[in-house]
């Protein structure tokens, strides 16, 4: 039976293994882009908002959509009043022509503000919503962590450190 090492220990073990250390980096297939390039392209197509701007748009009727998995929301906390739609079903829930759409998906002019943990996944998600026609879809710079750091109201998670 092979022992499964925690990630840092596994990385250190791999670096110490002369066979692994000599292995060349994989060659990216023709036409493929890095995740950093994908993220930069997505962000070039959206107008991101900071947490204070997101809170103001939410107060004016915008939909703050938390796409984090349930375990992450449970651990970190959540924003009361945010609509929870996990990332894997987001487009189906907001496409006004989808049979799986939410009641809030009334048209292409819905003001959707996507929130993830740190503001990476949300950029890709907001760009996907723009691709299906939601022209004002955007995300929150810094995600939930920035929301909390800005002192905005939230419900503490069960894994949150006490202040």
N, C-alpha and C. Protein backbone atom coordinates (compact mmCIF):
# COMPACT_ATOMS: atom_id res chain seq x y z
N UNK A 1 0.85 -1.17 0.00
CA UNK A 1 0.00 0.00 0.00
C UNK A 1 0.89 1.24 0.00
N UNK A 2 0.61 2.17 -0.89
CA UNK A 2 1.39 3.40 -0.99
C UNK A 2 0.81 4.45 -0.06
N UNK A 3 1.69 5.09 0.70
CA UNK A 3 1.23 6.15 1.60
C UNK A 3 0.93 7.40 0.79
N UNK A 4 -0.14 8.07 1.14
CA UNK A 4 -0.49 9.33 0.52
C UNK A 4 0.02 10.44 1.43
N UNK A 5 0.93 11.24 0.90
CA UNK A 5 1.52 12.32 1.68
C UNK A 5 0.71 13.59 1.51
N UNK A 6 0.67 14.44 2.54
CA UNK A 6 0.05 15.75 2.36
C UNK A 6 0.77 16.50 1.24
N UNK A 7 0.09 17.42 0.58
CA UNK A 7 0.61 18.10 -0.61
C UNK A 7 2.02 18.66 -0.43
N UNK A 8 2.36 19.47 0.60
CA UNK A 8 3.74 19.98 0.70
C UNK A 8 4.76 18.86 0.85
N UNK A 9 4.42 17.82 1.61
CA UNK A 9 5.34 16.70 1.78
C UNK A 9 5.50 15.95 0.46
N UNK A 10 4.42 15.80 -0.28
CA UNK A 10 4.48 15.12 -1.57
C UNK A 10 5.33 15.92 -2.55
N UNK A 11 5.19 17.25 -2.55
CA UNK A 11 5.99 18.11 -3.42
C UNK A 11 7.47 17.99 -3.07
N UNK A 12 7.78 17.99 -1.78
CA UNK A 12 9.17 17.89 -1.34
C UNK A 12 9.74 16.52 -1.73
N UNK A 13 8.95 15.48 -1.56
CA UNK A 13 9.40 14.13 -1.92
C UNK A 13 9.64 14.04 -3.42
N UNK A 14 8.76 14.64 -4.21
CA UNK A 14 8.92 14.61 -5.67
C UNK A 14 10.18 15.37 -6.08
N UNK A 15 10.44 16.51 -5.45
CA UNK A 15 11.62 17.30 -5.79
C UNK A 15 12.90 16.56 -5.45
N UNK A 16 12.87 15.74 -4.40
CA UNK A 16 14.05 14.98 -3.98
C UNK A 16 14.26 13.73 -4.83
N UNK A 17 13.25 13.30 -5.55
CA UNK A 17 13.33 12.11 -6.39
C UNK A 17 14.06 12.48 -7.69
N UNK A 18 15.23 11.89 -7.96
CA UNK A 18 15.99 12.28 -9.15
C UNK A 18 15.25 12.02 -10.46
N UNK A 19 14.40 11.02 -10.50
CA UNK A 19 13.64 10.75 -11.73
C UNK A 19 12.61 11.85 -11.95
N UNK A 20 11.89 12.22 -10.90
CA UNK A 20 10.88 13.27 -11.01
C UNK A 20 11.54 14.61 -11.27
N UNK A 21 12.65 14.89 -10.61
CA UNK A 21 13.32 16.18 -10.75
C UNK A 21 13.81 16.40 -12.18
N UNK A 22 14.15 15.33 -12.91
CA UNK A 22 14.64 15.45 -14.29
C UNK A 22 13.51 15.53 -15.31
N UNK A 23 12.31 15.24 -14.90
CA UNK A 23 11.19 15.21 -15.83
C UNK A 23 10.94 16.61 -16.40
N UNK A 24 10.91 16.75 -17.72
CA UNK A 24 10.67 18.09 -18.29
C UNK A 24 9.23 18.54 -18.07
N UNK A 25 9.06 19.85 -18.07
CA UNK A 25 7.70 20.40 -17.95
C UNK A 25 6.90 19.96 -19.17
N UNK A 26 5.62 19.66 -18.99
CA UNK A 26 4.83 19.23 -20.14
C UNK A 26 4.71 20.36 -21.17
N UNK A 27 4.66 19.97 -22.42
CA UNK A 27 4.51 20.93 -23.51
C UNK A 27 3.02 21.21 -23.69
N UNK A 28 2.68 22.49 -23.70
CA UNK A 28 1.28 22.88 -23.89
C UNK A 28 0.86 22.57 -25.32
N UNK A 29 -0.29 21.92 -25.50
CA UNK A 29 -0.76 21.61 -26.85
C UNK A 29 -0.98 22.90 -27.66
N UNK A 30 -0.86 22.79 -28.96
CA UNK A 30 -1.08 23.93 -29.85
C UNK A 30 -2.47 24.50 -29.62
N UNK A 31 -2.54 25.79 -29.49
CA UNK A 31 -3.83 26.46 -29.31
C UNK A 31 -4.29 26.56 -27.87
N UNK A 32 -3.65 25.83 -26.97
CA UNK A 32 -4.04 25.88 -25.56
C UNK A 32 -3.46 27.14 -24.91
N UNK A 33 -4.16 27.65 -23.92
CA UNK A 33 -3.68 28.82 -23.18
C UNK A 33 -3.52 28.44 -21.72
N UNK A 34 -2.72 29.21 -21.01
CA UNK A 34 -2.55 28.95 -19.58
C UNK A 34 -3.78 29.47 -18.84
N UNK A 35 -3.96 29.01 -17.62
CA UNK A 35 -5.07 29.49 -16.81
C UNK A 35 -4.90 30.98 -16.53
N UNK A 36 -3.66 31.44 -16.41
CA UNK A 36 -3.43 32.87 -16.20
C UNK A 36 -3.89 33.68 -17.42
N UNK A 37 -3.62 33.16 -18.62
CA UNK A 37 -4.08 33.83 -19.84
C UNK A 37 -5.60 33.81 -19.93
N UNK A 38 -6.19 32.69 -19.57
CA UNK A 38 -7.65 32.56 -19.59
C UNK A 38 -8.28 33.57 -18.63
N UNK A 39 -7.71 33.69 -17.45
CA UNK A 39 -8.21 34.63 -16.45
C UNK A 39 -8.05 36.08 -16.92
N UNK A 40 -6.89 36.40 -17.48
CA UNK A 40 -6.66 37.77 -17.98
C UNK A 40 -7.65 38.12 -19.08
N UNK A 41 -7.91 37.19 -19.98
CA UNK A 41 -8.86 37.45 -21.07
C UNK A 41 -10.27 37.66 -20.52
N UNK A 42 -10.66 36.85 -19.54
CA UNK A 42 -11.98 37.00 -18.93
C UNK A 42 -12.10 38.37 -18.26
N UNK A 43 -11.08 38.74 -17.52
CA UNK A 43 -11.12 40.02 -16.80
C UNK A 43 -11.11 41.22 -17.75
N UNK A 44 -10.54 41.05 -18.93
CA UNK A 44 -10.54 42.14 -19.91
C UNK A 44 -11.94 42.39 -20.45
N UNK A 45 -12.82 41.41 -20.33
CA UNK A 45 -14.18 41.53 -20.86
C UNK A 45 -15.21 41.94 -19.81
N UNK A 46 -14.81 42.03 -18.55
CA UNK A 46 -15.76 42.40 -17.50
C UNK A 46 -15.27 43.64 -16.76
N UNK A 47 -16.20 44.36 -16.18
CA UNK A 47 -15.86 45.51 -15.34
C UNK A 47 -16.05 45.08 -13.89
N UNK A 48 -14.94 44.70 -13.26
CA UNK A 48 -15.00 44.17 -11.90
C UNK A 48 -15.35 45.26 -10.91
N UNK A 49 -15.93 44.86 -9.78
CA UNK A 49 -16.30 45.82 -8.74
C UNK A 49 -15.63 45.43 -7.43
N UNK A 50 -15.36 46.42 -6.60
CA UNK A 50 -14.81 46.13 -5.28
C UNK A 50 -15.98 45.78 -4.34
N UNK A 51 -15.69 45.28 -3.15
CA UNK A 51 -16.77 44.87 -2.25
C UNK A 51 -17.76 45.99 -1.92
N UNK A 52 -17.28 47.22 -1.73
CA UNK A 52 -18.19 48.32 -1.41
C UNK A 52 -19.13 48.62 -2.58
N UNK A 53 -18.60 48.58 -3.79
CA UNK A 53 -19.45 48.78 -4.98
C UNK A 53 -20.46 47.64 -5.10
N UNK A 54 -20.02 46.42 -4.82
CA UNK A 54 -20.93 45.27 -4.89
C UNK A 54 -22.05 45.42 -3.87
N UNK A 55 -21.72 45.84 -2.66
CA UNK A 55 -22.74 46.03 -1.62
C UNK A 55 -23.74 47.10 -2.04
N UNK A 56 -23.26 48.17 -2.66
CA UNK A 56 -24.15 49.24 -3.12
C UNK A 56 -25.07 48.74 -4.23
N UNK A 57 -24.52 47.97 -5.15
CA UNK A 57 -25.36 47.43 -6.23
C UNK A 57 -26.36 46.41 -5.69
N UNK A 58 -25.94 45.66 -4.69
CA UNK A 58 -26.86 44.70 -4.06
C UNK A 58 -28.01 45.46 -3.40
N UNK A 59 -27.69 46.56 -2.71
CA UNK A 59 -28.72 47.37 -2.05
C UNK A 59 -29.68 48.00 -3.07
N UNK A 60 -29.18 48.21 -4.29
CA UNK A 60 -30.01 48.80 -5.35
C UNK A 60 -30.75 47.74 -6.17
N UNK A 61 -30.67 46.48 -5.74
CA UNK A 61 -31.40 45.42 -6.43
C UNK A 61 -30.56 44.43 -7.19
N UNK A 62 -29.24 44.62 -7.21
CA UNK A 62 -28.37 43.65 -7.87
C UNK A 62 -28.36 42.34 -7.11
N UNK A 63 -28.09 41.27 -7.83
CA UNK A 63 -28.05 39.94 -7.22
C UNK A 63 -26.61 39.54 -6.94
N UNK A 64 -26.25 39.46 -5.66
CA UNK A 64 -24.96 38.93 -5.28
C UNK A 64 -25.10 37.42 -5.30
N UNK A 65 -24.31 36.76 -6.14
CA UNK A 65 -24.43 35.31 -6.34
C UNK A 65 -23.17 34.64 -5.84
N UNK A 66 -23.30 33.87 -4.77
CA UNK A 66 -22.19 33.16 -4.14
C UNK A 66 -22.06 31.80 -4.82
N UNK A 67 -20.93 31.59 -5.51
CA UNK A 67 -20.75 30.34 -6.26
C UNK A 67 -19.85 29.34 -5.53
N UNK A 68 -19.48 29.63 -4.29
CA UNK A 68 -18.60 28.72 -3.56
C UNK A 68 -19.33 27.43 -3.19
N UNK A 69 -18.61 26.32 -3.11
CA UNK A 69 -19.22 25.07 -2.66
C UNK A 69 -19.72 25.20 -1.21
N UNK A 70 -20.69 24.39 -0.87
CA UNK A 70 -21.30 24.44 0.46
C UNK A 70 -20.28 24.31 1.58
N UNK A 71 -19.32 23.41 1.45
CA UNK A 71 -18.32 23.21 2.50
C UNK A 71 -17.50 24.48 2.72
N UNK A 72 -17.19 25.18 1.65
CA UNK A 72 -16.41 26.41 1.77
C UNK A 72 -17.24 27.52 2.43
N UNK A 73 -18.50 27.64 2.05
CA UNK A 73 -19.37 28.63 2.71
C UNK A 73 -19.50 28.31 4.18
N UNK A 74 -19.67 27.04 4.51
CA UNK A 74 -19.81 26.61 5.90
C UNK A 74 -18.56 26.98 6.70
N UNK A 75 -17.40 26.77 6.11
CA UNK A 75 -16.14 27.04 6.79
C UNK A 75 -15.84 28.54 6.89
N UNK A 76 -16.01 29.27 5.78
CA UNK A 76 -15.60 30.68 5.74
C UNK A 76 -16.68 31.64 6.20
N UNK A 77 -17.92 31.30 5.94
CA UNK A 77 -19.02 32.21 6.21
C UNK A 77 -19.71 32.58 4.92
N UNK A 78 -20.71 33.47 5.01
CA UNK A 78 -21.48 33.83 3.83
C UNK A 78 -22.09 35.21 4.02
N UNK A 79 -22.60 35.75 2.92
CA UNK A 79 -23.25 37.05 2.94
C UNK A 79 -24.75 36.81 2.99
N UNK A 80 -25.39 37.30 4.05
CA UNK A 80 -26.85 37.18 4.14
C UNK A 80 -27.47 37.92 2.97
N UNK A 81 -28.43 37.31 2.33
CA UNK A 81 -29.09 37.92 1.20
C UNK A 81 -28.49 37.55 -0.14
N UNK A 82 -27.31 36.94 -0.13
CA UNK A 82 -26.71 36.49 -1.39
C UNK A 82 -27.47 35.26 -1.87
N UNK A 83 -27.56 35.13 -3.16
CA UNK A 83 -28.18 33.97 -3.78
C UNK A 83 -27.09 32.92 -3.96
N UNK A 84 -27.32 31.72 -3.47
CA UNK A 84 -26.32 30.66 -3.58
C UNK A 84 -26.62 29.84 -4.83
N UNK A 85 -25.67 29.86 -5.76
CA UNK A 85 -25.76 29.06 -6.98
C UNK A 85 -24.36 28.52 -7.22
N UNK A 86 -24.16 27.25 -6.99
CA UNK A 86 -22.82 26.70 -7.13
C UNK A 86 -22.36 26.79 -8.59
N UNK A 87 -21.07 26.91 -8.76
CA UNK A 87 -20.47 27.18 -10.06
C UNK A 87 -20.89 26.20 -11.15
N UNK A 88 -21.04 24.95 -10.82
CA UNK A 88 -21.31 23.94 -11.84
C UNK A 88 -22.68 24.07 -12.51
N UNK A 89 -23.57 24.90 -11.99
CA UNK A 89 -24.90 25.06 -12.60
C UNK A 89 -25.21 26.52 -12.92
N UNK A 90 -24.26 27.41 -12.77
CA UNK A 90 -24.51 28.85 -12.87
C UNK A 90 -25.16 29.26 -14.19
N UNK A 91 -24.59 28.86 -15.31
CA UNK A 91 -25.13 29.28 -16.60
C UNK A 91 -26.56 28.80 -16.80
N UNK A 92 -26.87 27.59 -16.39
CA UNK A 92 -28.23 27.06 -16.54
C UNK A 92 -29.22 27.83 -15.69
N UNK A 93 -28.78 28.28 -14.53
CA UNK A 93 -29.69 29.00 -13.63
C UNK A 93 -29.96 30.44 -14.06
N UNK A 94 -29.06 31.02 -14.86
CA UNK A 94 -29.23 32.42 -15.26
C UNK A 94 -29.56 32.64 -16.73
N UNK A 95 -29.52 31.60 -17.54
CA UNK A 95 -29.91 31.75 -18.94
C UNK A 95 -31.43 31.88 -18.98
N UNK A 96 -31.96 33.03 -19.43
CA UNK A 96 -33.42 33.23 -19.43
C UNK A 96 -34.18 32.21 -20.27
N UNK A 97 -33.49 31.49 -21.17
CA UNK A 97 -34.15 30.49 -22.01
C UNK A 97 -33.97 29.07 -21.49
N UNK A 98 -33.28 28.90 -20.38
CA UNK A 98 -33.03 27.56 -19.84
C UNK A 98 -34.24 27.07 -19.04
N UNK A 99 -34.55 25.80 -19.21
CA UNK A 99 -35.61 25.19 -18.41
C UNK A 99 -35.23 25.13 -16.93
N UNK A 100 -33.94 25.23 -16.63
CA UNK A 100 -33.46 25.15 -15.25
C UNK A 100 -33.18 26.53 -14.65
N UNK A 101 -33.67 27.58 -15.29
CA UNK A 101 -33.38 28.94 -14.81
C UNK A 101 -34.07 29.21 -13.47
N UNK A 102 -33.50 30.14 -12.75
CA UNK A 102 -34.07 30.61 -11.49
C UNK A 102 -35.17 31.63 -11.77
N UNK A 103 -36.09 31.82 -10.84
CA UNK A 103 -37.11 32.86 -11.02
C UNK A 103 -36.48 34.25 -11.21
N UNK A 104 -35.30 34.47 -10.64
CA UNK A 104 -34.61 35.76 -10.76
C UNK A 104 -34.06 36.00 -12.16
N UNK A 105 -33.93 34.95 -12.96
CA UNK A 105 -33.36 35.07 -14.31
C UNK A 105 -34.45 35.52 -15.28
N UNK A 106 -34.87 36.75 -15.11
CA UNK A 106 -36.00 37.28 -15.86
C UNK A 106 -35.63 37.84 -17.22
N UNK A 107 -34.36 38.04 -17.47
CA UNK A 107 -33.93 38.59 -18.75
C UNK A 107 -32.43 38.76 -18.76
N UNK A 108 -31.96 39.40 -19.82
CA UNK A 108 -30.52 39.57 -19.98
C UNK A 108 -29.99 40.81 -19.27
N UNK A 109 -30.89 41.59 -18.67
CA UNK A 109 -30.48 42.81 -17.98
C UNK A 109 -30.36 42.65 -16.47
N UNK A 110 -30.43 41.42 -15.97
CA UNK A 110 -30.31 41.17 -14.53
C UNK A 110 -28.89 41.55 -14.10
N UNK A 111 -28.79 42.30 -13.01
CA UNK A 111 -27.49 42.75 -12.49
C UNK A 111 -26.92 41.67 -11.58
N UNK A 112 -26.04 40.84 -12.13
CA UNK A 112 -25.46 39.72 -11.40
C UNK A 112 -24.03 40.06 -10.99
N UNK A 113 -23.76 39.91 -9.69
CA UNK A 113 -22.44 40.15 -9.11
C UNK A 113 -21.96 38.82 -8.53
N UNK A 114 -20.98 38.21 -9.15
CA UNK A 114 -20.54 36.88 -8.76
C UNK A 114 -19.48 36.97 -7.67
N UNK A 115 -19.64 36.13 -6.65
CA UNK A 115 -18.74 36.11 -5.50
C UNK A 115 -18.18 34.71 -5.31
N UNK A 116 -16.86 34.61 -5.23
CA UNK A 116 -16.22 33.35 -4.84
C UNK A 116 -15.37 33.64 -3.61
N UNK A 117 -14.43 32.82 -3.31
CA UNK A 117 -13.63 33.01 -2.11
C UNK A 117 -12.62 34.15 -2.25
N UNK A 118 -11.88 34.18 -3.36
CA UNK A 118 -10.80 35.16 -3.50
C UNK A 118 -10.88 35.99 -4.78
N UNK A 119 -11.87 35.75 -5.63
CA UNK A 119 -12.03 36.57 -6.82
C UNK A 119 -11.37 36.03 -8.08
N UNK A 120 -11.09 34.75 -8.13
CA UNK A 120 -10.52 34.16 -9.34
C UNK A 120 -11.61 33.41 -10.11
N UNK A 121 -12.20 32.42 -9.47
CA UNK A 121 -13.26 31.64 -10.11
C UNK A 121 -14.42 32.54 -10.52
N UNK A 122 -14.70 33.55 -9.72
CA UNK A 122 -15.81 34.45 -10.02
C UNK A 122 -15.58 35.23 -11.31
N UNK A 123 -14.33 35.56 -11.63
CA UNK A 123 -14.05 36.27 -12.88
C UNK A 123 -14.40 35.39 -14.07
N UNK A 124 -14.00 34.12 -14.02
CA UNK A 124 -14.33 33.20 -15.11
C UNK A 124 -15.83 32.99 -15.20
N UNK A 125 -16.50 32.90 -14.05
CA UNK A 125 -17.95 32.69 -14.03
C UNK A 125 -18.69 33.90 -14.59
N UNK A 126 -18.28 35.10 -14.20
CA UNK A 126 -18.93 36.32 -14.70
C UNK A 126 -18.75 36.43 -16.21
N UNK A 127 -17.57 36.07 -16.70
CA UNK A 127 -17.32 36.10 -18.14
C UNK A 127 -18.23 35.10 -18.86
N UNK A 128 -18.44 33.94 -18.26
CA UNK A 128 -19.34 32.94 -18.86
C UNK A 128 -20.77 33.49 -18.93
N UNK A 129 -21.20 34.19 -17.88
CA UNK A 129 -22.54 34.78 -17.89
C UNK A 129 -22.65 35.85 -18.97
N UNK A 130 -21.60 36.62 -19.16
CA UNK A 130 -21.61 37.60 -20.25
C UNK A 130 -21.70 36.90 -21.60
N UNK A 131 -21.05 35.76 -21.71
CA UNK A 131 -21.08 35.01 -22.97
C UNK A 131 -22.49 34.53 -23.32
N UNK A 132 -23.33 34.30 -22.32
CA UNK A 132 -24.71 33.88 -22.62
C UNK A 132 -25.65 35.07 -22.69
N UNK A 133 -25.09 36.29 -22.61
CA UNK A 133 -25.90 37.48 -22.85
C UNK A 133 -26.15 38.40 -21.69
N UNK A 134 -25.71 38.06 -20.49
CA UNK A 134 -25.92 38.94 -19.34
C UNK A 134 -24.84 40.02 -19.36
N UNK A 135 -25.14 41.11 -20.05
CA UNK A 135 -24.15 42.13 -20.39
C UNK A 135 -23.54 42.83 -19.19
N UNK A 136 -24.21 42.87 -18.06
CA UNK A 136 -23.65 43.58 -16.90
C UNK A 136 -23.08 42.64 -15.84
N UNK A 137 -23.06 41.35 -16.11
CA UNK A 137 -22.52 40.40 -15.13
C UNK A 137 -21.07 40.78 -14.81
N UNK A 138 -20.74 40.72 -13.54
CA UNK A 138 -19.39 41.06 -13.09
C UNK A 138 -19.05 40.22 -11.86
N UNK A 139 -17.87 40.48 -11.31
CA UNK A 139 -17.49 39.77 -10.09
C UNK A 139 -16.89 40.74 -9.09
N UNK A 140 -16.70 40.23 -7.88
CA UNK A 140 -16.20 41.04 -6.77
C UNK A 140 -14.70 40.80 -6.62
N UNK A 141 -13.93 41.87 -6.79
CA UNK A 141 -12.47 41.79 -6.63
C UNK A 141 -12.15 41.31 -5.22
N UNK A 142 -11.35 40.26 -5.12
CA UNK A 142 -10.94 39.74 -3.81
C UNK A 142 -11.93 38.79 -3.18
N UNK A 143 -13.12 38.65 -3.78
CA UNK A 143 -14.11 37.69 -3.32
C UNK A 143 -14.59 37.89 -1.90
N UNK A 144 -15.03 36.80 -1.29
CA UNK A 144 -15.58 36.84 0.06
C UNK A 144 -14.54 37.35 1.07
N UNK A 145 -13.28 36.97 0.87
CA UNK A 145 -12.24 37.43 1.81
C UNK A 145 -12.16 38.95 1.81
N UNK A 146 -12.25 39.57 0.64
CA UNK A 146 -12.20 41.04 0.56
C UNK A 146 -13.48 41.65 1.13
N UNK A 147 -14.60 40.98 0.94
CA UNK A 147 -15.88 41.45 1.50
C UNK A 147 -15.75 41.56 3.02
N UNK A 148 -15.23 40.51 3.63
CA UNK A 148 -15.04 40.49 5.09
C UNK A 148 -14.03 41.55 5.51
N UNK A 149 -12.91 41.64 4.79
CA UNK A 149 -11.86 42.61 5.12
C UNK A 149 -12.37 44.05 5.01
N UNK A 150 -13.37 44.28 4.15
CA UNK A 150 -13.95 45.62 4.00
C UNK A 150 -14.91 45.95 5.12
N UNK A 151 -15.14 44.99 6.02
CA UNK A 151 -16.04 45.22 7.15
C UNK A 151 -17.51 45.14 6.79
N UNK A 152 -17.81 44.53 5.65
CA UNK A 152 -19.21 44.42 5.23
C UNK A 152 -19.91 43.30 5.99
N UNK A 153 -21.23 43.40 6.15
CA UNK A 153 -21.95 42.39 6.93
C UNK A 153 -21.85 41.00 6.32
N UNK A 154 -21.68 40.04 7.19
CA UNK A 154 -21.60 38.64 6.77
C UNK A 154 -21.89 37.75 7.98
N UNK A 155 -22.16 36.52 7.70
CA UNK A 155 -22.38 35.51 8.74
C UNK A 155 -21.08 34.72 8.85
N UNK A 156 -20.57 34.61 10.06
CA UNK A 156 -19.31 33.89 10.28
C UNK A 156 -19.49 32.40 10.03
N UNK A 157 -18.49 31.82 9.42
CA UNK A 157 -18.49 30.39 9.19
C UNK A 157 -18.03 29.64 10.43
N UNK A 158 -18.16 28.34 10.39
CA UNK A 158 -17.79 27.52 11.54
C UNK A 158 -16.29 27.32 11.65
N UNK A 159 -15.55 27.65 10.58
CA UNK A 159 -14.10 27.54 10.63
C UNK A 159 -13.42 28.88 10.76
N UNK A 160 -14.20 29.96 10.92
CA UNK A 160 -13.63 31.31 10.99
C UNK A 160 -12.94 31.54 12.32
N UNK A 161 -11.79 32.18 12.25
CA UNK A 161 -11.06 32.51 13.48
C UNK A 161 -11.80 33.64 14.20
N UNK A 162 -11.71 33.64 15.51
CA UNK A 162 -12.35 34.71 16.28
C UNK A 162 -11.45 35.93 16.29
N UNK A 163 -12.06 37.09 16.28
CA UNK A 163 -11.28 38.34 16.25
C UNK A 163 -11.05 38.87 17.65
